[in-house]
N, C-alpha and C. Protein backbone atom coordinates (compact mmCIF):
# COMPACT_ATOMS: atom_id res chain seq x y z
N UNK A 1 -28.76 -34.05 -11.89
CA UNK A 1 -29.70 -33.35 -11.06
C UNK A 1 -29.13 -31.99 -10.64
N UNK A 2 -27.82 -31.97 -10.32
CA UNK A 2 -27.19 -30.71 -9.93
C UNK A 2 -27.22 -29.71 -11.08
N UNK A 3 -27.03 -30.20 -12.31
CA UNK A 3 -27.04 -29.30 -13.45
C UNK A 3 -28.41 -28.68 -13.62
N UNK A 4 -29.46 -29.47 -13.42
CA UNK A 4 -30.82 -28.96 -13.52
C UNK A 4 -31.09 -27.91 -12.44
N UNK A 5 -30.66 -28.19 -11.20
CA UNK A 5 -30.86 -27.25 -10.09
C UNK A 5 -30.11 -25.95 -10.35
N UNK A 6 -28.89 -26.05 -10.87
CA UNK A 6 -28.11 -24.85 -11.17
C UNK A 6 -28.77 -24.04 -12.29
N UNK A 7 -29.28 -24.75 -13.31
CA UNK A 7 -29.96 -24.07 -14.41
C UNK A 7 -31.22 -23.37 -13.90
N UNK A 8 -31.94 -24.02 -13.02
CA UNK A 8 -33.14 -23.42 -12.43
C UNK A 8 -32.76 -22.19 -11.61
N UNK A 9 -31.67 -22.30 -10.85
CA UNK A 9 -31.19 -21.17 -10.07
C UNK A 9 -30.85 -19.99 -10.96
N UNK A 10 -30.18 -20.24 -12.09
CA UNK A 10 -29.83 -19.16 -13.02
C UNK A 10 -31.07 -18.50 -13.59
N UNK A 11 -32.08 -19.32 -13.94
CA UNK A 11 -33.32 -18.77 -14.50
C UNK A 11 -34.03 -17.88 -13.49
N UNK A 12 -34.13 -18.36 -12.27
CA UNK A 12 -34.81 -17.59 -11.22
C UNK A 12 -34.03 -16.32 -10.92
N UNK A 13 -32.70 -16.41 -10.86
CA UNK A 13 -31.87 -15.24 -10.58
C UNK A 13 -32.04 -14.19 -11.67
N UNK A 14 -32.05 -14.64 -12.91
CA UNK A 14 -32.21 -13.67 -14.01
C UNK A 14 -33.61 -13.07 -14.00
N UNK A 15 -34.60 -13.85 -13.60
CA UNK A 15 -35.96 -13.32 -13.51
C UNK A 15 -36.03 -12.22 -12.46
N UNK A 16 -35.46 -12.47 -11.27
CA UNK A 16 -35.47 -11.46 -10.22
C UNK A 16 -34.65 -10.24 -10.62
N UNK A 17 -33.58 -10.45 -11.31
CA UNK A 17 -32.76 -9.32 -11.76
C UNK A 17 -33.55 -8.48 -12.74
N UNK A 18 -34.29 -9.13 -13.65
CA UNK A 18 -35.12 -8.41 -14.61
C UNK A 18 -36.22 -7.63 -13.92
N UNK A 19 -36.85 -8.21 -12.92
CA UNK A 19 -37.89 -7.52 -12.17
C UNK A 19 -37.29 -6.34 -11.43
N UNK A 20 -36.13 -6.53 -10.84
CA UNK A 20 -35.47 -5.46 -10.11
C UNK A 20 -35.14 -4.30 -11.04
N UNK A 21 -34.62 -4.62 -12.24
CA UNK A 21 -34.31 -3.56 -13.21
C UNK A 21 -35.57 -2.85 -13.64
N UNK A 22 -36.66 -3.58 -13.85
CA UNK A 22 -37.91 -2.97 -14.27
C UNK A 22 -38.46 -2.05 -13.19
N UNK A 23 -38.33 -2.46 -11.93
CA UNK A 23 -38.81 -1.62 -10.84
C UNK A 23 -37.97 -0.36 -10.72
N UNK A 24 -36.67 -0.48 -10.87
CA UNK A 24 -35.82 0.71 -10.76
C UNK A 24 -36.05 1.63 -11.96
N UNK A 25 -36.34 1.07 -13.13
CA UNK A 25 -36.63 1.90 -14.30
C UNK A 25 -37.93 2.66 -14.09
N UNK A 26 -38.93 2.02 -13.43
CA UNK A 26 -40.19 2.69 -13.15
C UNK A 26 -39.97 3.83 -12.17
N UNK A 27 -39.08 3.64 -11.21
CA UNK A 27 -38.82 4.66 -10.21
C UNK A 27 -38.15 5.88 -10.84
N UNK A 28 -37.30 5.67 -11.83
CA UNK A 28 -36.56 6.75 -12.47
C UNK A 28 -37.42 7.40 -13.56
N UNK A 29 -38.20 6.63 -14.24
CA UNK A 29 -39.00 7.10 -15.37
C UNK A 29 -40.04 8.12 -14.88
N UNK A 30 -40.08 9.29 -15.51
CA UNK A 30 -41.07 10.28 -15.09
C UNK A 30 -42.48 9.80 -15.43
N UNK A 31 -43.42 10.22 -14.60
CA UNK A 31 -44.81 9.82 -14.83
C UNK A 31 -45.36 10.57 -16.03
N UNK A 32 -46.13 9.85 -16.83
CA UNK A 32 -46.73 10.44 -18.01
C UNK A 32 -47.94 11.29 -17.58
N UNK A 33 -48.09 12.45 -18.19
CA UNK A 33 -49.26 13.28 -17.86
C UNK A 33 -50.53 12.63 -18.43
N UNK A 34 -51.66 12.95 -17.83
CA UNK A 34 -52.93 12.43 -18.33
C UNK A 34 -53.54 13.39 -19.35
N UNK A 35 -53.06 14.64 -19.34
CA UNK A 35 -53.49 15.63 -20.33
C UNK A 35 -52.50 16.79 -20.32
N UNK A 36 -52.57 17.59 -21.36
CA UNK A 36 -51.78 18.82 -21.40
C UNK A 36 -52.68 19.95 -21.85
N UNK A 37 -52.43 21.14 -21.28
CA UNK A 37 -53.17 22.34 -21.67
C UNK A 37 -52.14 23.39 -22.05
N UNK A 38 -52.10 23.73 -23.35
CA UNK A 38 -51.12 24.68 -23.87
C UNK A 38 -49.71 24.31 -23.45
N UNK A 39 -49.41 23.01 -23.49
CA UNK A 39 -48.09 22.51 -23.17
C UNK A 39 -47.85 22.27 -21.69
N UNK A 40 -48.78 22.65 -20.84
CA UNK A 40 -48.64 22.42 -19.40
C UNK A 40 -49.29 21.08 -19.05
N UNK A 41 -48.54 20.17 -18.43
CA UNK A 41 -49.08 18.84 -18.14
C UNK A 41 -50.02 18.84 -16.93
N UNK A 42 -50.97 17.92 -16.97
CA UNK A 42 -51.84 17.63 -15.83
C UNK A 42 -51.48 16.22 -15.39
N UNK A 43 -51.03 16.10 -14.15
CA UNK A 43 -50.54 14.80 -13.67
C UNK A 43 -51.67 13.96 -13.10
N UNK A 44 -51.37 12.68 -12.93
CA UNK A 44 -52.32 11.74 -12.32
C UNK A 44 -52.65 12.16 -10.89
N UNK A 45 -51.66 12.72 -10.17
CA UNK A 45 -51.87 13.15 -8.80
C UNK A 45 -52.87 14.30 -8.73
N UNK A 46 -52.75 15.26 -9.66
CA UNK A 46 -53.69 16.38 -9.70
C UNK A 46 -55.11 15.89 -9.97
N UNK A 47 -55.22 14.96 -10.90
CA UNK A 47 -56.53 14.40 -11.22
C UNK A 47 -57.11 13.66 -10.03
N UNK A 48 -56.29 12.85 -9.38
CA UNK A 48 -56.76 12.07 -8.23
C UNK A 48 -57.23 12.97 -7.10
N UNK A 49 -56.49 14.05 -6.83
CA UNK A 49 -56.89 14.94 -5.73
C UNK A 49 -58.18 15.68 -6.05
N UNK A 50 -58.45 15.95 -7.31
CA UNK A 50 -59.66 16.69 -7.66
C UNK A 50 -60.92 15.81 -7.65
N UNK A 51 -60.77 14.49 -7.76
CA UNK A 51 -61.94 13.60 -7.78
C UNK A 51 -62.02 12.71 -6.55
N UNK A 52 -61.16 12.94 -5.57
CA UNK A 52 -61.12 12.08 -4.38
C UNK A 52 -62.47 11.99 -3.69
N UNK A 53 -63.16 13.09 -3.54
CA UNK A 53 -64.46 13.09 -2.87
C UNK A 53 -65.50 12.27 -3.61
N UNK A 54 -65.44 12.25 -4.92
CA UNK A 54 -66.39 11.48 -5.72
C UNK A 54 -66.04 10.00 -5.74
N UNK A 55 -64.76 9.66 -5.63
CA UNK A 55 -64.34 8.27 -5.69
C UNK A 55 -64.50 7.55 -4.36
N UNK A 56 -64.50 8.27 -3.25
CA UNK A 56 -64.56 7.62 -1.95
C UNK A 56 -65.83 6.80 -1.75
N UNK A 57 -67.02 7.29 -2.11
CA UNK A 57 -68.21 6.44 -1.98
C UNK A 57 -68.13 5.18 -2.84
N UNK A 58 -67.51 5.30 -4.00
CA UNK A 58 -67.35 4.12 -4.87
C UNK A 58 -66.39 3.11 -4.25
N UNK A 59 -65.32 3.60 -3.62
CA UNK A 59 -64.39 2.70 -2.95
C UNK A 59 -65.08 2.00 -1.77
N UNK A 60 -65.90 2.75 -1.06
CA UNK A 60 -66.64 2.17 0.06
C UNK A 60 -67.62 1.12 -0.43
N UNK A 61 -68.30 1.41 -1.52
CA UNK A 61 -69.24 0.45 -2.11
C UNK A 61 -68.49 -0.80 -2.58
N UNK A 62 -67.34 -0.62 -3.21
CA UNK A 62 -66.53 -1.75 -3.65
C UNK A 62 -66.12 -2.61 -2.46
N UNK A 63 -65.72 -1.95 -1.36
CA UNK A 63 -65.33 -2.69 -0.16
C UNK A 63 -66.51 -3.49 0.39
N UNK A 64 -67.68 -2.89 0.44
CA UNK A 64 -68.86 -3.57 0.97
C UNK A 64 -69.21 -4.79 0.12
N UNK A 65 -69.11 -4.67 -1.18
CA UNK A 65 -69.38 -5.80 -2.08
C UNK A 65 -68.36 -6.91 -1.84
N UNK A 66 -67.10 -6.54 -1.75
CA UNK A 66 -66.05 -7.53 -1.50
C UNK A 66 -66.24 -8.18 -0.13
N UNK A 67 -66.64 -7.40 0.86
CA UNK A 67 -66.81 -7.93 2.21
C UNK A 67 -67.95 -8.96 2.25
N UNK A 68 -69.06 -8.66 1.59
CA UNK A 68 -70.18 -9.59 1.54
C UNK A 68 -69.79 -10.87 0.83
N UNK A 69 -69.08 -10.74 -0.29
CA UNK A 69 -68.63 -11.92 -1.03
C UNK A 69 -67.64 -12.73 -0.19
N UNK A 70 -66.76 -12.05 0.51
CA UNK A 70 -65.80 -12.74 1.37
C UNK A 70 -66.50 -13.47 2.51
N UNK A 71 -67.50 -12.85 3.11
CA UNK A 71 -68.26 -13.51 4.17
C UNK A 71 -68.95 -14.77 3.64
N UNK A 72 -69.49 -14.69 2.43
CA UNK A 72 -70.13 -15.87 1.83
C UNK A 72 -69.12 -16.98 1.59
N UNK A 73 -67.94 -16.62 1.09
CA UNK A 73 -66.90 -17.62 0.86
C UNK A 73 -66.42 -18.24 2.17
N UNK A 74 -66.30 -17.42 3.21
CA UNK A 74 -65.88 -17.93 4.52
C UNK A 74 -66.92 -18.91 5.04
N UNK A 75 -68.20 -18.54 4.93
CA UNK A 75 -69.27 -19.43 5.39
C UNK A 75 -69.25 -20.74 4.62
N UNK A 76 -69.05 -20.65 3.31
CA UNK A 76 -69.02 -21.86 2.49
C UNK A 76 -67.86 -22.76 2.89
N UNK A 77 -66.69 -22.17 3.13
CA UNK A 77 -65.52 -22.96 3.56
C UNK A 77 -65.77 -23.62 4.91
N UNK A 78 -66.38 -22.88 5.83
CA UNK A 78 -66.65 -23.45 7.14
C UNK A 78 -67.64 -24.60 7.04
N UNK A 79 -68.68 -24.44 6.21
CA UNK A 79 -69.65 -25.52 6.01
C UNK A 79 -68.97 -26.74 5.39
N UNK A 80 -68.12 -26.50 4.39
CA UNK A 80 -67.42 -27.61 3.74
C UNK A 80 -66.51 -28.33 4.73
N UNK A 81 -65.81 -27.58 5.56
CA UNK A 81 -64.92 -28.19 6.55
C UNK A 81 -65.69 -29.00 7.58
N UNK A 82 -66.82 -28.45 8.04
CA UNK A 82 -67.64 -29.18 9.02
C UNK A 82 -68.23 -30.43 8.39
N UNK A 83 -68.63 -30.34 7.13
CA UNK A 83 -69.18 -31.50 6.44
C UNK A 83 -68.10 -32.55 6.21
N UNK A 84 -66.90 -32.10 5.85
CA UNK A 84 -65.79 -33.02 5.62
C UNK A 84 -65.43 -33.77 6.91
N UNK A 85 -65.52 -33.07 8.03
CA UNK A 85 -65.22 -33.71 9.32
C UNK A 85 -66.24 -34.81 9.64
N UNK A 86 -67.47 -34.63 9.19
CA UNK A 86 -68.50 -35.65 9.42
C UNK A 86 -68.63 -36.62 8.24
N UNK A 87 -67.80 -36.39 7.22
CA UNK A 87 -67.77 -37.23 6.01
C UNK A 87 -69.11 -37.26 5.29
N UNK A 88 -69.70 -36.08 5.15
CA UNK A 88 -70.93 -35.91 4.37
C UNK A 88 -70.79 -34.65 3.54
N UNK A 89 -71.76 -34.38 2.69
CA UNK A 89 -71.72 -33.17 1.88
C UNK A 89 -72.26 -31.99 2.69
N UNK A 90 -71.99 -30.80 2.21
CA UNK A 90 -72.46 -29.60 2.89
C UNK A 90 -73.99 -29.55 2.90
N UNK A 91 -74.61 -29.98 1.82
CA UNK A 91 -76.08 -30.00 1.75
C UNK A 91 -76.65 -30.96 2.79
N UNK A 92 -76.03 -32.13 2.92
CA UNK A 92 -76.48 -33.09 3.92
C UNK A 92 -76.29 -32.54 5.33
N UNK A 93 -75.18 -31.86 5.55
CA UNK A 93 -74.92 -31.25 6.85
C UNK A 93 -76.00 -30.23 7.20
N UNK A 94 -76.32 -29.35 6.25
CA UNK A 94 -77.36 -28.36 6.49
C UNK A 94 -78.71 -29.02 6.76
N UNK A 95 -78.99 -30.09 6.03
CA UNK A 95 -80.26 -30.79 6.25
C UNK A 95 -80.30 -31.39 7.66
N UNK A 96 -79.19 -32.01 8.08
CA UNK A 96 -79.13 -32.63 9.41
C UNK A 96 -79.21 -31.60 10.53
N UNK A 97 -78.40 -30.56 10.42
CA UNK A 97 -78.24 -29.62 11.52
C UNK A 97 -79.27 -28.48 11.53
N UNK A 98 -79.87 -28.20 10.38
CA UNK A 98 -80.77 -27.04 10.31
C UNK A 98 -82.17 -27.44 9.87
N UNK A 99 -82.29 -27.97 8.68
CA UNK A 99 -83.60 -28.23 8.09
C UNK A 99 -84.43 -29.20 8.93
N UNK A 100 -83.80 -30.21 9.49
CA UNK A 100 -84.53 -31.21 10.28
C UNK A 100 -85.06 -30.62 11.58
N UNK A 101 -84.46 -29.54 12.06
CA UNK A 101 -84.88 -28.93 13.32
C UNK A 101 -85.99 -27.91 13.15
N UNK A 102 -86.27 -27.52 11.92
CA UNK A 102 -87.31 -26.52 11.67
C UNK A 102 -88.68 -27.18 11.77
N UNK A 103 -89.58 -26.51 12.49
CA UNK A 103 -90.93 -27.05 12.66
C UNK A 103 -91.90 -26.26 11.79
N UNK A 104 -92.97 -26.91 11.37
CA UNK A 104 -94.02 -26.21 10.66
C UNK A 104 -94.73 -25.28 11.64
N UNK A 105 -95.06 -24.07 11.20
CA UNK A 105 -95.74 -23.14 12.10
C UNK A 105 -97.15 -23.62 12.42
N UNK A 106 -97.57 -23.37 13.64
CA UNK A 106 -98.91 -23.77 14.06
C UNK A 106 -99.95 -22.81 13.47
N UNK A 107 -101.22 -23.20 13.55
CA UNK A 107 -102.29 -22.34 13.06
C UNK A 107 -102.36 -21.03 13.84
N UNK A 108 -102.04 -21.09 15.13
CA UNK A 108 -102.04 -19.87 15.95
C UNK A 108 -100.93 -18.91 15.51
N UNK A 109 -99.78 -19.45 15.16
CA UNK A 109 -98.68 -18.61 14.66
C UNK A 109 -99.06 -17.96 13.34
N UNK A 110 -99.69 -18.73 12.48
CA UNK A 110 -100.12 -18.19 11.18
C UNK A 110 -101.15 -17.08 11.40
N UNK A 111 -102.12 -17.32 12.30
CA UNK A 111 -103.15 -16.32 12.56
C UNK A 111 -102.53 -15.06 13.18
N UNK A 112 -101.59 -15.23 14.09
CA UNK A 112 -100.91 -14.08 14.70
C UNK A 112 -100.14 -13.28 13.67
N UNK A 113 -99.46 -13.97 12.78
CA UNK A 113 -98.72 -13.30 11.72
C UNK A 113 -99.68 -12.55 10.81
N UNK A 114 -100.81 -13.19 10.50
CA UNK A 114 -101.82 -12.56 9.63
C UNK A 114 -102.36 -11.29 10.28
N UNK A 115 -102.68 -11.37 11.58
CA UNK A 115 -103.23 -10.20 12.27
C UNK A 115 -102.22 -9.05 12.31
N UNK A 116 -100.95 -9.38 12.45
CA UNK A 116 -99.91 -8.34 12.47
C UNK A 116 -99.75 -7.70 11.09
N UNK A 117 -100.04 -8.46 10.03
CA UNK A 117 -99.84 -7.97 8.67
C UNK A 117 -101.16 -7.71 7.93
N UNK A 118 -102.29 -7.77 8.61
CA UNK A 118 -103.60 -7.69 7.97
C UNK A 118 -103.76 -6.42 7.15
N UNK A 119 -103.34 -5.29 7.67
CA UNK A 119 -103.49 -4.03 6.94
C UNK A 119 -102.69 -4.05 5.64
N UNK A 120 -101.53 -4.63 5.67
CA UNK A 120 -100.69 -4.68 4.47
C UNK A 120 -101.20 -5.72 3.48
N UNK A 121 -101.68 -6.85 3.97
CA UNK A 121 -102.14 -7.94 3.10
C UNK A 121 -103.46 -7.59 2.43
N UNK A 122 -104.35 -6.93 3.17
CA UNK A 122 -105.61 -6.45 2.62
C UNK A 122 -106.44 -7.53 1.93
N UNK A 123 -106.50 -8.72 2.55
CA UNK A 123 -107.35 -9.80 2.05
C UNK A 123 -107.67 -10.75 3.19
N UNK A 124 -108.77 -11.49 3.07
CA UNK A 124 -109.16 -12.38 4.17
C UNK A 124 -108.23 -13.59 4.27
N UNK A 125 -108.19 -14.19 5.44
CA UNK A 125 -107.35 -15.36 5.70
C UNK A 125 -108.06 -16.62 5.20
N UNK A 126 -107.81 -16.94 3.94
CA UNK A 126 -108.39 -18.16 3.36
C UNK A 126 -107.31 -19.24 3.28
N UNK A 127 -107.65 -20.40 2.73
CA UNK A 127 -106.71 -21.52 2.67
C UNK A 127 -105.47 -21.20 1.83
N UNK A 128 -105.66 -20.49 0.71
CA UNK A 128 -104.52 -20.15 -0.15
C UNK A 128 -103.54 -19.23 0.58
N UNK A 129 -104.09 -18.22 1.25
CA UNK A 129 -103.23 -17.29 1.99
C UNK A 129 -102.58 -17.99 3.17
N UNK A 130 -103.33 -18.88 3.83
CA UNK A 130 -102.79 -19.65 4.96
C UNK A 130 -101.58 -20.47 4.50
N UNK A 131 -101.65 -21.10 3.32
CA UNK A 131 -100.55 -21.89 2.76
C UNK A 131 -99.35 -21.01 2.46
N UNK A 132 -99.60 -19.82 1.88
CA UNK A 132 -98.51 -18.89 1.58
C UNK A 132 -97.83 -18.42 2.87
N UNK A 133 -98.64 -18.09 3.87
CA UNK A 133 -98.07 -17.62 5.13
C UNK A 133 -97.29 -18.72 5.84
N UNK A 134 -97.79 -19.96 5.78
CA UNK A 134 -97.09 -21.10 6.38
C UNK A 134 -95.71 -21.25 5.73
N UNK A 135 -95.68 -21.17 4.41
CA UNK A 135 -94.42 -21.29 3.67
C UNK A 135 -93.48 -20.13 4.01
N UNK A 136 -94.04 -18.95 4.07
CA UNK A 136 -93.23 -17.76 4.37
C UNK A 136 -92.62 -17.84 5.77
N UNK A 137 -93.40 -18.23 6.74
CA UNK A 137 -92.92 -18.33 8.12
C UNK A 137 -91.86 -19.41 8.23
N UNK A 138 -92.08 -20.55 7.57
CA UNK A 138 -91.10 -21.64 7.63
C UNK A 138 -89.79 -21.23 6.96
N UNK A 139 -89.86 -20.54 5.81
CA UNK A 139 -88.64 -20.07 5.14
C UNK A 139 -87.87 -19.08 6.02
N UNK A 140 -88.58 -18.19 6.69
CA UNK A 140 -87.91 -17.23 7.58
C UNK A 140 -87.25 -17.97 8.75
N UNK A 141 -87.94 -18.98 9.27
CA UNK A 141 -87.38 -19.77 10.37
C UNK A 141 -86.14 -20.53 9.90
N UNK A 142 -86.19 -21.12 8.70
CA UNK A 142 -85.02 -21.84 8.16
C UNK A 142 -83.85 -20.90 7.97
N UNK A 143 -84.12 -19.72 7.45
CA UNK A 143 -83.05 -18.75 7.22
C UNK A 143 -82.41 -18.35 8.55
N UNK A 144 -83.22 -18.13 9.57
CA UNK A 144 -82.68 -17.76 10.88
C UNK A 144 -81.87 -18.90 11.48
N UNK A 145 -82.36 -20.13 11.36
CA UNK A 145 -81.62 -21.28 11.88
C UNK A 145 -80.29 -21.47 11.16
N UNK A 146 -80.27 -21.26 9.85
CA UNK A 146 -79.02 -21.37 9.08
C UNK A 146 -78.02 -20.30 9.52
N UNK A 147 -78.50 -19.08 9.71
CA UNK A 147 -77.62 -18.00 10.17
C UNK A 147 -77.05 -18.33 11.55
N UNK A 148 -77.89 -18.85 12.43
CA UNK A 148 -77.42 -19.22 13.76
C UNK A 148 -76.39 -20.35 13.69
N UNK A 149 -76.62 -21.32 12.82
CA UNK A 149 -75.69 -22.44 12.69
C UNK A 149 -74.33 -21.97 12.15
N UNK A 150 -74.37 -21.12 11.13
CA UNK A 150 -73.12 -20.59 10.56
C UNK A 150 -72.40 -19.74 11.61
N UNK A 151 -73.15 -18.99 12.39
CA UNK A 151 -72.53 -18.18 13.45
C UNK A 151 -71.85 -19.08 14.48
N UNK A 152 -72.48 -20.22 14.80
CA UNK A 152 -71.86 -21.15 15.75
C UNK A 152 -70.61 -21.77 15.15
N UNK A 153 -70.63 -22.06 13.84
CA UNK A 153 -69.42 -22.58 13.18
C UNK A 153 -68.31 -21.54 13.21
N UNK A 154 -68.67 -20.29 12.96
CA UNK A 154 -67.66 -19.23 12.92
C UNK A 154 -67.03 -19.00 14.29
N UNK A 155 -67.84 -19.11 15.34
CA UNK A 155 -67.27 -18.90 16.67
C UNK A 155 -66.31 -20.03 17.05
N UNK A 156 -66.50 -21.21 16.46
CA UNK A 156 -65.61 -22.33 16.74
C UNK A 156 -64.44 -22.43 15.78
N UNK A 157 -64.35 -21.51 14.83
CA UNK A 157 -63.28 -21.54 13.83
C UNK A 157 -62.32 -20.39 14.06
N UNK A 158 -61.14 -20.54 13.51
CA UNK A 158 -60.14 -19.49 13.56
C UNK A 158 -60.18 -18.75 12.23
N UNK A 159 -60.99 -17.70 12.16
CA UNK A 159 -61.16 -16.93 10.94
C UNK A 159 -60.44 -15.59 11.11
N UNK A 160 -59.55 -15.29 10.18
CA UNK A 160 -58.84 -14.02 10.18
C UNK A 160 -59.14 -13.33 8.86
N UNK A 161 -59.78 -12.18 8.94
CA UNK A 161 -60.11 -11.41 7.74
C UNK A 161 -59.02 -10.36 7.54
N UNK A 162 -58.38 -10.40 6.39
CA UNK A 162 -57.28 -9.48 6.09
C UNK A 162 -57.68 -8.37 5.13
N UNK A 163 -58.92 -8.39 4.68
CA UNK A 163 -59.43 -7.36 3.78
C UNK A 163 -59.57 -6.07 4.58
N UNK A 164 -58.95 -5.00 4.12
CA UNK A 164 -59.01 -3.75 4.88
C UNK A 164 -59.94 -2.76 4.19
N UNK A 165 -60.66 -1.98 4.98
CA UNK A 165 -61.57 -0.99 4.40
C UNK A 165 -60.79 0.16 3.77
N UNK A 166 -61.44 0.89 2.88
CA UNK A 166 -60.74 2.03 2.27
C UNK A 166 -60.46 3.11 3.32
N UNK A 167 -59.36 3.76 3.16
CA UNK A 167 -58.96 4.79 4.12
C UNK A 167 -58.90 6.14 3.40
N UNK A 168 -59.16 7.17 4.18
CA UNK A 168 -59.10 8.53 3.66
C UNK A 168 -57.93 9.23 4.32
N UNK A 169 -57.09 9.83 3.51
CA UNK A 169 -55.97 10.60 4.04
C UNK A 169 -56.50 11.96 4.48
N UNK A 170 -56.32 12.27 5.74
CA UNK A 170 -56.78 13.54 6.27
C UNK A 170 -55.56 14.38 6.59
N UNK A 171 -55.46 15.50 5.94
CA UNK A 171 -54.34 16.40 6.19
C UNK A 171 -54.79 17.51 7.13
N UNK A 172 -53.85 18.10 7.81
CA UNK A 172 -54.16 19.21 8.70
C UNK A 172 -53.69 20.50 8.06
N UNK A 173 -54.28 21.58 8.49
CA UNK A 173 -53.90 22.90 7.98
C UNK A 173 -52.87 23.49 8.94
N UNK A 174 -51.60 23.62 8.51
CA UNK A 174 -50.56 24.10 9.42
C UNK A 174 -50.83 25.53 9.93
N UNK A 175 -51.64 26.31 9.22
CA UNK A 175 -51.95 27.68 9.65
C UNK A 175 -52.85 27.69 10.88
N UNK A 176 -53.55 26.59 11.13
CA UNK A 176 -54.48 26.54 12.25
C UNK A 176 -53.85 25.92 13.49
N UNK A 177 -52.59 25.56 13.43
CA UNK A 177 -51.91 24.99 14.59
C UNK A 177 -51.29 26.08 15.44
N UNK A 178 -51.29 25.84 16.72
CA UNK A 178 -50.63 26.81 17.63
C UNK A 178 -49.28 26.31 17.99
């Protein structure tokens, strides 16, 4: 067993030594130009500084996409953990805690919704439209109840988000300082 541990130690040590050598070689190795004009190189830094303004909205968009996906994953994990604590599936948990509490909208609610949207709907309140509006109102209510339930789970959980937003380096003009 000691021989195996020593052999493992040697392998890991040589791996770290190789990584260390590769990192030091990268530090010493000059950066390759991205283009040359009449023998004059254009560096990656020059390119990056010239397109920084165009790339910033893309970085912000990338962050927003990642943030939404991360929020969805966090919500899913919280639902799974709450379901596991009750020894049921996440779908069963949602049905118990959210779907069962949703009520069908009354005829007065449907009529009120119709009157608020009558100009946009541009059709009379018949049975087919009443059914569509009932479904629409119930779906909106379910969505709101689910959001409220997930919010309550999040407030009871210890969630730490380590994803950081993109930052912009702002330099000052030394000529304008007193």
